Amino acid sequence: MSAIADKLKKVEFFNDLVVVRAKSRGSSTIDMRSALEPKRDKIVELVQKYSANGDGFAVFERVKTLRHERLAHRQIGPTRMKPTDADGANVPDKEIEVFHNDTVEIVRLLLSVVHATAFDIASDGAGVYEHHAKFFWAAARGEQTEGHPSYMPPA
């Protein structure tokens, strides 16, 4: 992401992007620039937030460690365990949620700036993923297992 943000910050690259986008839409480069600059600036701001020396860098490092150790390499403990980083400290759910939302926003803005595509991943894609997740858990857990979509606790 930092390489993409660096590219967007380069005046020559951004000018070329504005010209291409304006030409494809039949609008002026001035109008296109005024539409794209705030989005570009927001992308750069969010990427810098999670870069070294950014406010969110510690969160990024903890989530990356969580991904590497617990998800990618399957060094996982009991399923009821709270996510922890390499030092064993809990990774607060709120931090993960903010990181996720910022990442979704970066992708949404990049789709708009680079591909001229409007797609709200959070609302447009949520139903699709929710649908598939429901059937994944139904297959992965029996109906007698807590967490199954059709689980009914014993009376």
N, C-alpha and C. Protein backbone atom coordinates (compact mmCIF):
# COMPACT_ATOMS: atom_id res chain seq x y z
N MET A 1 0.81 -1.19 0.00
CA MET A 1 0.00 0.00 0.00
C MET A 1 0.86 1.26 0.00
N SER A 2 1.99 1.18 0.70
CA SER A 2 2.85 2.37 0.75
C SER A 2 3.39 2.69 -0.65
N ALA A 3 3.68 1.68 -1.46
CA ALA A 3 4.16 1.92 -2.82
C ALA A 3 3.08 2.60 -3.66
N ILE A 4 1.83 2.20 -3.46
CA ILE A 4 0.72 2.82 -4.20
C ILE A 4 0.56 4.28 -3.76
N ALA A 5 0.61 4.52 -2.45
CA ALA A 5 0.49 5.89 -1.95
C ALA A 5 1.63 6.76 -2.46
N ASP A 6 2.85 6.21 -2.48
CA ASP A 6 3.99 6.97 -3.00
C ASP A 6 3.78 7.33 -4.47
N LYS A 7 3.24 6.39 -5.23
CA LYS A 7 2.98 6.64 -6.65
C LYS A 7 1.93 7.74 -6.82
N LEU A 8 0.87 7.68 -6.03
CA LEU A 8 -0.19 8.69 -6.12
C LEU A 8 0.30 10.07 -5.71
N LYS A 9 1.28 10.14 -4.84
CA LYS A 9 1.82 11.43 -4.39
C LYS A 9 2.69 12.09 -5.47
N LYS A 10 3.21 11.30 -6.41
CA LYS A 10 4.07 11.86 -7.46
C LYS A 10 3.22 12.71 -8.40
N VAL A 11 3.61 13.96 -8.55
CA VAL A 11 2.85 14.93 -9.33
C VAL A 11 2.67 14.46 -10.77
N GLU A 12 3.72 14.00 -11.40
CA GLU A 12 3.66 13.57 -12.80
C GLU A 12 2.68 12.40 -12.98
N PHE A 13 2.78 11.42 -12.09
CA PHE A 13 1.88 10.26 -12.18
C PHE A 13 0.43 10.69 -11.99
N PHE A 14 0.18 11.51 -10.97
CA PHE A 14 -1.19 11.93 -10.69
C PHE A 14 -1.74 12.78 -11.83
N ASN A 15 -0.91 13.65 -12.41
CA ASN A 15 -1.35 14.45 -13.56
C ASN A 15 -1.75 13.56 -14.73
N ASP A 16 -0.95 12.54 -15.00
CA ASP A 16 -1.28 11.59 -16.08
C ASP A 16 -2.58 10.85 -15.78
N LEU A 17 -2.76 10.45 -14.55
CA LEU A 17 -4.00 9.77 -14.15
C LEU A 17 -5.21 10.68 -14.35
N VAL A 18 -5.09 11.93 -13.96
CA VAL A 18 -6.18 12.89 -14.13
C VAL A 18 -6.51 13.06 -15.60
N VAL A 19 -5.50 13.18 -16.44
CA VAL A 19 -5.72 13.36 -17.89
C VAL A 19 -6.44 12.14 -18.47
N VAL A 20 -5.97 10.96 -18.14
CA VAL A 20 -6.60 9.72 -18.65
C VAL A 20 -8.04 9.62 -18.19
N ARG A 21 -8.27 9.87 -16.91
CA ARG A 21 -9.64 9.78 -16.39
C ARG A 21 -10.55 10.84 -17.00
N ALA A 22 -10.05 12.07 -17.16
CA ALA A 22 -10.85 13.14 -17.76
C ALA A 22 -11.20 12.82 -19.20
N LYS A 23 -10.23 12.30 -19.93
CA LYS A 23 -10.44 11.94 -21.34
C LYS A 23 -11.50 10.84 -21.46
N SER A 24 -11.43 9.84 -20.57
CA SER A 24 -12.38 8.73 -20.64
C SER A 24 -13.80 9.16 -20.29
N ARG A 25 -13.93 10.21 -19.49
CA ARG A 25 -15.25 10.68 -19.08
C ARG A 25 -15.73 11.87 -19.90
N GLY A 26 -14.84 12.42 -20.72
CA GLY A 26 -15.22 13.59 -21.52
C GLY A 26 -15.38 14.84 -20.67
N SER A 27 -14.64 14.91 -19.57
CA SER A 27 -14.73 16.10 -18.72
C SER A 27 -13.39 16.83 -18.73
N SER A 28 -13.38 17.99 -18.11
CA SER A 28 -12.14 18.78 -18.07
C SER A 28 -11.20 18.21 -17.02
N THR A 29 -9.91 18.45 -17.24
CA THR A 29 -8.93 17.98 -16.26
C THR A 29 -9.07 18.74 -14.94
N ILE A 30 -9.54 19.96 -15.00
CA ILE A 30 -9.73 20.76 -13.78
C ILE A 30 -10.82 20.12 -12.92
N ASP A 31 -11.95 19.77 -13.55
CA ASP A 31 -13.03 19.12 -12.81
C ASP A 31 -12.59 17.76 -12.26
N MET A 32 -11.88 17.00 -13.10
CA MET A 32 -11.44 15.68 -12.68
C MET A 32 -10.44 15.79 -11.53
N ARG A 33 -9.54 16.74 -11.62
CA ARG A 33 -8.56 16.93 -10.55
C ARG A 33 -9.26 17.28 -9.23
N SER A 34 -10.24 18.16 -9.30
CA SER A 34 -10.94 18.55 -8.07
C SER A 34 -11.73 17.39 -7.48
N ALA A 35 -12.14 16.44 -8.32
CA ALA A 35 -12.85 15.26 -7.83
C ALA A 35 -11.90 14.21 -7.26
N LEU A 36 -10.72 14.07 -7.86
CA LEU A 36 -9.80 13.01 -7.46
C LEU A 36 -8.83 13.39 -6.34
N GLU A 37 -8.45 14.66 -6.26
CA GLU A 37 -7.46 15.06 -5.25
C GLU A 37 -7.87 14.74 -3.82
N PRO A 38 -9.10 15.04 -3.40
CA PRO A 38 -9.47 14.72 -2.01
C PRO A 38 -9.42 13.21 -1.73
N LYS A 39 -9.78 12.42 -2.71
CA LYS A 39 -9.73 10.97 -2.55
C LYS A 39 -8.28 10.49 -2.45
N ARG A 40 -7.45 11.03 -3.33
CA ARG A 40 -6.02 10.68 -3.27
C ARG A 40 -5.43 11.07 -1.93
N ASP A 41 -5.75 12.26 -1.45
CA ASP A 41 -5.21 12.73 -0.18
C ASP A 41 -5.66 11.82 0.98
N LYS A 42 -6.89 11.36 0.93
CA LYS A 42 -7.41 10.47 1.98
C LYS A 42 -6.69 9.11 1.93
N ILE A 43 -6.45 8.60 0.74
CA ILE A 43 -5.71 7.34 0.59
C ILE A 43 -4.33 7.47 1.21
N VAL A 44 -3.63 8.54 0.86
CA VAL A 44 -2.27 8.76 1.36
C VAL A 44 -2.30 8.90 2.89
N GLU A 45 -3.27 9.63 3.40
CA GLU A 45 -3.40 9.82 4.86
C GLU A 45 -3.61 8.49 5.58
N LEU A 46 -4.50 7.65 5.06
CA LEU A 46 -4.77 6.36 5.71
C LEU A 46 -3.58 5.42 5.62
N VAL A 47 -2.90 5.42 4.49
CA VAL A 47 -1.71 4.56 4.35
C VAL A 47 -0.62 5.02 5.31
N GLN A 48 -0.42 6.32 5.41
CA GLN A 48 0.59 6.84 6.32
C GLN A 48 0.25 6.55 7.78
N LYS A 49 -1.03 6.48 8.09
CA LYS A 49 -1.46 6.16 9.46
C LYS A 49 -0.89 4.82 9.91
N TYR A 50 -0.81 3.84 8.99
CA TYR A 50 -0.35 2.50 9.34
C TYR A 50 1.10 2.24 8.90
N SER A 51 1.77 3.28 8.43
CA SER A 51 3.19 3.16 8.07
C SER A 51 4.05 3.43 9.30
N ALA A 52 5.34 3.14 9.20
CA ALA A 52 6.26 3.41 10.32
C ALA A 52 6.10 4.86 10.76
N ASN A 53 6.08 5.08 12.05
CA ASN A 53 5.89 6.40 12.68
C ASN A 53 4.46 6.92 12.59
N GLY A 54 3.53 6.14 12.04
CA GLY A 54 2.13 6.55 11.99
C GLY A 54 1.41 6.17 13.27
N ASP A 55 0.27 6.81 13.52
CA ASP A 55 -0.50 6.55 14.74
C ASP A 55 -0.97 5.10 14.83
N GLY A 56 -1.21 4.46 13.71
CA GLY A 56 -1.74 3.11 13.72
C GLY A 56 -0.70 2.03 13.44
N PHE A 57 0.57 2.39 13.43
CA PHE A 57 1.60 1.41 13.08
C PHE A 57 1.64 0.24 14.07
N ALA A 58 1.48 0.52 15.36
CA ALA A 58 1.50 -0.55 16.36
C ALA A 58 0.35 -1.53 16.12
N VAL A 59 -0.81 -1.01 15.76
CA VAL A 59 -1.96 -1.87 15.45
C VAL A 59 -1.65 -2.72 14.22
N PHE A 60 -1.10 -2.09 13.19
CA PHE A 60 -0.73 -2.81 11.98
C PHE A 60 0.23 -3.95 12.30
N GLU A 61 1.24 -3.68 13.10
CA GLU A 61 2.21 -4.71 13.48
C GLU A 61 1.55 -5.85 14.25
N ARG A 62 0.65 -5.52 15.17
CA ARG A 62 -0.04 -6.57 15.95
C ARG A 62 -0.94 -7.42 15.06
N VAL A 63 -1.66 -6.77 14.15
CA VAL A 63 -2.54 -7.52 13.24
C VAL A 63 -1.70 -8.38 12.29
N LYS A 64 -0.58 -7.85 11.82
CA LYS A 64 0.30 -8.61 10.94
C LYS A 64 0.87 -9.83 11.67
N THR A 65 1.28 -9.65 12.92
CA THR A 65 1.79 -10.77 13.71
C THR A 65 0.69 -11.80 13.93
N LEU A 66 -0.50 -11.32 14.25
CA LEU A 66 -1.65 -12.22 14.43
C LEU A 66 -1.89 -13.02 13.15
N ARG A 67 -1.84 -12.35 12.03
CA ARG A 67 -2.04 -13.03 10.75
C ARG A 67 -0.94 -14.05 10.48
N HIS A 68 0.30 -13.67 10.68
CA HIS A 68 1.42 -14.57 10.40
C HIS A 68 1.42 -15.79 11.31
N GLU A 69 1.30 -15.55 12.60
CA GLU A 69 1.46 -16.64 13.55
C GLU A 69 0.20 -17.47 13.75
N ARG A 70 -0.92 -16.84 13.81
CA ARG A 70 -2.15 -17.57 14.16
C ARG A 70 -2.93 -18.05 12.95
N LEU A 71 -2.92 -17.28 11.89
CA LEU A 71 -3.74 -17.65 10.74
C LEU A 71 -2.93 -18.36 9.66
N ALA A 72 -1.83 -17.75 9.23
CA ALA A 72 -1.06 -18.32 8.13
C ALA A 72 -0.32 -19.58 8.54
N HIS A 73 0.21 -19.60 9.75
CA HIS A 73 1.01 -20.75 10.17
C HIS A 73 0.27 -21.66 11.15
N ARG A 74 -0.97 -21.37 11.34
CA ARG A 74 -1.87 -22.20 12.16
C ARG A 74 -1.34 -22.47 13.56
N GLN A 75 -0.68 -21.51 14.13
CA GLN A 75 -0.23 -21.63 15.50
C GLN A 75 -1.35 -21.11 16.40
N ILE A 76 -2.47 -21.77 16.35
CA ILE A 76 -3.64 -21.29 17.07
C ILE A 76 -3.89 -22.11 18.32
N GLY A 77 -4.46 -21.44 19.28
CA GLY A 77 -4.83 -22.10 20.53
C GLY A 77 -6.31 -22.43 20.50
N PRO A 78 -6.91 -22.55 21.67
CA PRO A 78 -8.34 -22.84 21.75
C PRO A 78 -9.16 -21.78 21.01
N THR A 79 -10.31 -22.18 20.48
CA THR A 79 -11.11 -21.27 19.66
C THR A 79 -11.71 -20.13 20.47
N ARG A 80 -11.82 -20.26 21.77
CA ARG A 80 -12.39 -19.19 22.58
C ARG A 80 -11.34 -18.18 23.04
N MET A 81 -10.11 -18.36 22.61
CA MET A 81 -9.02 -17.50 23.02
C MET A 81 -9.09 -16.16 22.33
N LYS A 82 -8.83 -15.08 23.05
CA LYS A 82 -8.79 -13.75 22.46
C LYS A 82 -7.53 -13.64 21.61
N PRO A 83 -7.58 -12.96 20.46
CA PRO A 83 -6.38 -12.79 19.63
C PRO A 83 -5.29 -12.06 20.41
N THR A 84 -4.08 -12.54 20.30
CA THR A 84 -2.95 -11.90 20.97
C THR A 84 -1.84 -11.68 19.97
N ASP A 85 -0.96 -10.75 20.31
CA ASP A 85 0.21 -10.53 19.47
C ASP A 85 1.35 -11.41 19.94
N ALA A 86 2.53 -11.21 19.39
CA ALA A 86 3.68 -12.06 19.70
C ALA A 86 4.06 -12.00 21.18
N ASP A 87 3.79 -10.87 21.84
CA ASP A 87 4.12 -10.73 23.26
C ASP A 87 3.03 -11.26 24.17
N GLY A 88 1.97 -11.78 23.59
CA GLY A 88 0.88 -12.32 24.40
C GLY A 88 -0.14 -11.28 24.82
N ALA A 89 0.00 -10.04 24.37
CA ALA A 89 -0.96 -9.00 24.73
C ALA A 89 -2.18 -9.10 23.82
N ASN A 90 -3.35 -8.86 24.41
CA ASN A 90 -4.58 -8.92 23.62
C ASN A 90 -4.59 -7.82 22.57
N VAL A 91 -5.10 -8.17 21.40
CA VAL A 91 -5.31 -7.20 20.34
C VAL A 91 -6.78 -6.80 20.45
N PRO A 92 -7.05 -5.58 20.94
CA PRO A 92 -8.43 -5.18 21.17
C PRO A 92 -9.28 -5.25 19.89
N ASP A 93 -10.49 -5.75 20.04
CA ASP A 93 -11.41 -5.86 18.91
C ASP A 93 -11.63 -4.51 18.23
N LYS A 94 -11.69 -3.45 19.01
CA LYS A 94 -11.93 -2.11 18.44
C LYS A 94 -10.79 -1.72 17.50
N GLU A 95 -9.55 -2.02 17.89
CA GLU A 95 -8.41 -1.69 17.04
C GLU A 95 -8.48 -2.46 15.72
N ILE A 96 -8.85 -3.72 15.80
CA ILE A 96 -8.96 -4.53 14.59
C ILE A 96 -10.08 -4.00 13.72
N GLU A 97 -11.18 -3.61 14.33
CA GLU A 97 -12.31 -3.08 13.56
C GLU A 97 -11.93 -1.78 12.85
N VAL A 98 -11.23 -0.88 13.55
CA VAL A 98 -10.81 0.38 12.93
C VAL A 98 -9.84 0.10 11.78
N PHE A 99 -8.89 -0.81 12.01
CA PHE A 99 -7.93 -1.18 10.97
C PHE A 99 -8.68 -1.74 9.75
N HIS A 100 -9.63 -2.64 9.99
CA HIS A 100 -10.42 -3.22 8.89
C HIS A 100 -11.17 -2.13 8.14
N ASN A 101 -11.84 -1.25 8.86
CA ASN A 101 -12.62 -0.19 8.21
C ASN A 101 -11.73 0.75 7.40
N ASP A 102 -10.55 1.06 7.94
CA ASP A 102 -9.62 1.91 7.19
C ASP A 102 -9.13 1.22 5.93
N THR A 103 -8.86 -0.08 6.03
CA THR A 103 -8.42 -0.84 4.86
C THR A 103 -9.51 -0.89 3.80
N VAL A 104 -10.74 -1.11 4.22
CA VAL A 104 -11.87 -1.12 3.29
C VAL A 104 -12.00 0.25 2.61
N GLU A 105 -11.80 1.31 3.38
CA GLU A 105 -11.90 2.65 2.81
C GLU A 105 -10.79 2.90 1.79
N ILE A 106 -9.58 2.44 2.07
CA ILE A 106 -8.48 2.58 1.12
C ILE A 106 -8.82 1.88 -0.19
N VAL A 107 -9.32 0.66 -0.11
CA VAL A 107 -9.67 -0.10 -1.32
C VAL A 107 -10.80 0.59 -2.07
N ARG A 108 -11.82 1.06 -1.35
CA ARG A 108 -12.94 1.75 -1.99
C ARG A 108 -12.46 2.99 -2.74
N LEU A 109 -11.61 3.78 -2.09
CA LEU A 109 -11.10 5.00 -2.73
C LEU A 109 -10.19 4.69 -3.91
N LEU A 110 -9.37 3.65 -3.78
CA LEU A 110 -8.51 3.27 -4.91
C LEU A 110 -9.33 2.81 -6.10
N LEU A 111 -10.38 2.05 -5.85
CA LEU A 111 -11.25 1.65 -6.95
C LEU A 111 -11.84 2.86 -7.65
N SER A 112 -12.21 3.86 -6.89
CA SER A 112 -12.78 5.07 -7.46
C SER A 112 -11.74 5.89 -8.23
N VAL A 113 -10.58 6.11 -7.61
CA VAL A 113 -9.56 6.96 -8.22
C VAL A 113 -8.92 6.30 -9.45
N VAL A 114 -8.54 5.06 -9.32
CA VAL A 114 -7.77 4.40 -10.38
C VAL A 114 -8.66 3.75 -11.43
N HIS A 115 -9.72 3.06 -10.99
CA HIS A 115 -10.55 2.31 -11.94
C HIS A 115 -11.90 2.96 -12.26
N ALA A 116 -12.17 4.12 -11.68
CA ALA A 116 -13.45 4.80 -11.91
C ALA A 116 -14.62 3.89 -11.59
N THR A 117 -14.48 3.15 -10.49
CA THR A 117 -15.51 2.19 -10.09
C THR A 117 -16.05 2.59 -8.72
N ALA A 118 -17.35 2.66 -8.62
CA ALA A 118 -17.98 2.93 -7.32
C ALA A 118 -18.49 1.62 -6.77
N PHE A 119 -17.88 1.18 -5.68
CA PHE A 119 -18.29 -0.07 -5.06
C PHE A 119 -18.10 0.07 -3.56
N ASP A 120 -19.18 0.04 -2.84
CA ASP A 120 -19.11 0.13 -1.38
C ASP A 120 -19.00 -1.29 -0.85
N ILE A 121 -17.77 -1.70 -0.59
CA ILE A 121 -17.50 -3.07 -0.17
C ILE A 121 -18.29 -3.43 1.08
N ALA A 122 -18.36 -2.50 2.01
CA ALA A 122 -19.01 -2.78 3.29
C ALA A 122 -20.48 -3.12 3.12
N SER A 123 -21.21 -2.36 2.30
CA SER A 123 -22.64 -2.63 2.18
C SER A 123 -22.97 -3.53 0.98
N ASP A 124 -22.32 -3.30 -0.17
CA ASP A 124 -22.63 -4.09 -1.36
C ASP A 124 -22.16 -5.53 -1.23
N GLY A 125 -21.01 -5.74 -0.63
CA GLY A 125 -20.45 -7.08 -0.54
C GLY A 125 -20.81 -7.82 0.72
N ALA A 126 -21.29 -7.11 1.73
CA ALA A 126 -21.54 -7.74 3.03
C ALA A 126 -22.55 -8.88 2.95
N GLY A 127 -23.61 -8.69 2.21
CA GLY A 127 -24.64 -9.73 2.11
C GLY A 127 -24.12 -11.00 1.47
N VAL A 128 -23.28 -10.84 0.46
CA VAL A 128 -22.72 -12.00 -0.22
C VAL A 128 -21.85 -12.79 0.74
N TYR A 129 -20.96 -12.10 1.46
CA TYR A 129 -20.06 -12.78 2.38
C TYR A 129 -20.82 -13.38 3.56
N GLU A 130 -21.84 -12.68 4.03
CA GLU A 130 -22.65 -13.20 5.13
C GLU A 130 -23.35 -14.49 4.72
N HIS A 131 -23.86 -14.53 3.51
CA HIS A 131 -24.54 -15.71 2.98
C HIS A 131 -23.58 -16.91 2.94
N HIS A 132 -22.39 -16.70 2.38
CA HIS A 132 -21.43 -17.79 2.27
C HIS A 132 -20.89 -18.21 3.63
N ALA A 133 -20.69 -17.25 4.53
CA ALA A 133 -20.19 -17.58 5.87
C ALA A 133 -21.19 -18.45 6.62
N LYS A 134 -22.47 -18.16 6.43
CA LYS A 134 -23.50 -18.95 7.11
C LYS A 134 -23.39 -20.42 6.70
N PHE A 135 -23.23 -20.68 5.43
CA PHE A 135 -23.15 -22.06 4.97
C PHE A 135 -21.80 -22.70 5.29
N PHE A 136 -20.74 -21.89 5.37
CA PHE A 136 -19.45 -22.43 5.78
C PHE A 136 -19.55 -22.96 7.20
N TRP A 137 -20.09 -22.15 8.12
CA TRP A 137 -20.18 -22.58 9.51
C TRP A 137 -21.16 -23.72 9.68
N ALA A 138 -22.21 -23.74 8.87
CA ALA A 138 -23.16 -24.84 8.95
C ALA A 138 -22.48 -26.15 8.59
N ALA A 139 -21.56 -26.12 7.63
CA ALA A 139 -20.86 -27.33 7.23
C ALA A 139 -19.72 -27.67 8.19
N ALA A 140 -19.10 -26.64 8.77
CA ALA A 140 -17.94 -26.87 9.63
C ALA A 140 -18.32 -27.31 11.04
N ARG A 141 -19.50 -26.95 11.50
CA ARG A 141 -19.93 -27.29 12.86
C ARG A 141 -21.28 -28.01 12.79
N GLY A 142 -21.47 -28.94 13.65
CA GLY A 142 -22.76 -29.61 13.73
C GLY A 142 -23.79 -28.73 14.43
N GLU A 143 -25.04 -29.03 14.23
CA GLU A 143 -26.10 -28.22 14.82
C GLU A 143 -26.09 -28.25 16.34
N GLN A 144 -25.44 -29.23 16.92
CA GLN A 144 -25.35 -29.35 18.37
C GLN A 144 -24.20 -28.52 18.94
N THR A 145 -23.44 -27.86 18.08
CA THR A 145 -22.26 -27.11 18.50
C THR A 145 -22.59 -25.63 18.62
N GLU A 146 -22.21 -25.04 19.74
CA GLU A 146 -22.41 -23.61 19.93
C GLU A 146 -21.65 -22.86 18.84
N GLY A 147 -22.29 -21.89 18.24
CA GLY A 147 -21.68 -21.14 17.14
C GLY A 147 -22.29 -21.51 15.79
N HIS A 148 -22.94 -22.67 15.70
CA HIS A 148 -23.62 -23.07 14.46
C HIS A 148 -24.82 -22.16 14.28
N PRO A 149 -25.11 -21.72 13.03
CA PRO A 149 -26.23 -20.80 12.81
C PRO A 149 -27.57 -21.33 13.31
N SER A 150 -27.75 -22.65 13.34
CA SER A 150 -29.02 -23.22 13.79
C SER A 150 -28.94 -23.79 15.22
N TYR A 151 -27.89 -23.45 15.96
CA TYR A 151 -27.69 -23.99 17.31
C TYR A 151 -28.81 -23.54 18.24
N MET A 152 -29.33 -24.47 18.98
CA MET A 152 -30.34 -24.20 20.01
C MET A 152 -29.78 -24.77 21.31
N PRO A 153 -29.55 -23.91 22.33
CA PRO A 153 -29.01 -24.43 23.58
C PRO A 153 -29.99 -25.42 24.22
N PRO A 154 -29.44 -26.40 24.93
CA PRO A 154 -30.32 -27.38 25.59
C PRO A 154 -31.26 -26.70 26.56
N ALA A 155 -32.45 -27.22 26.64
CA ALA A 155 -33.48 -26.63 27.52
C ALA A 155 -33.19 -26.88 28.97
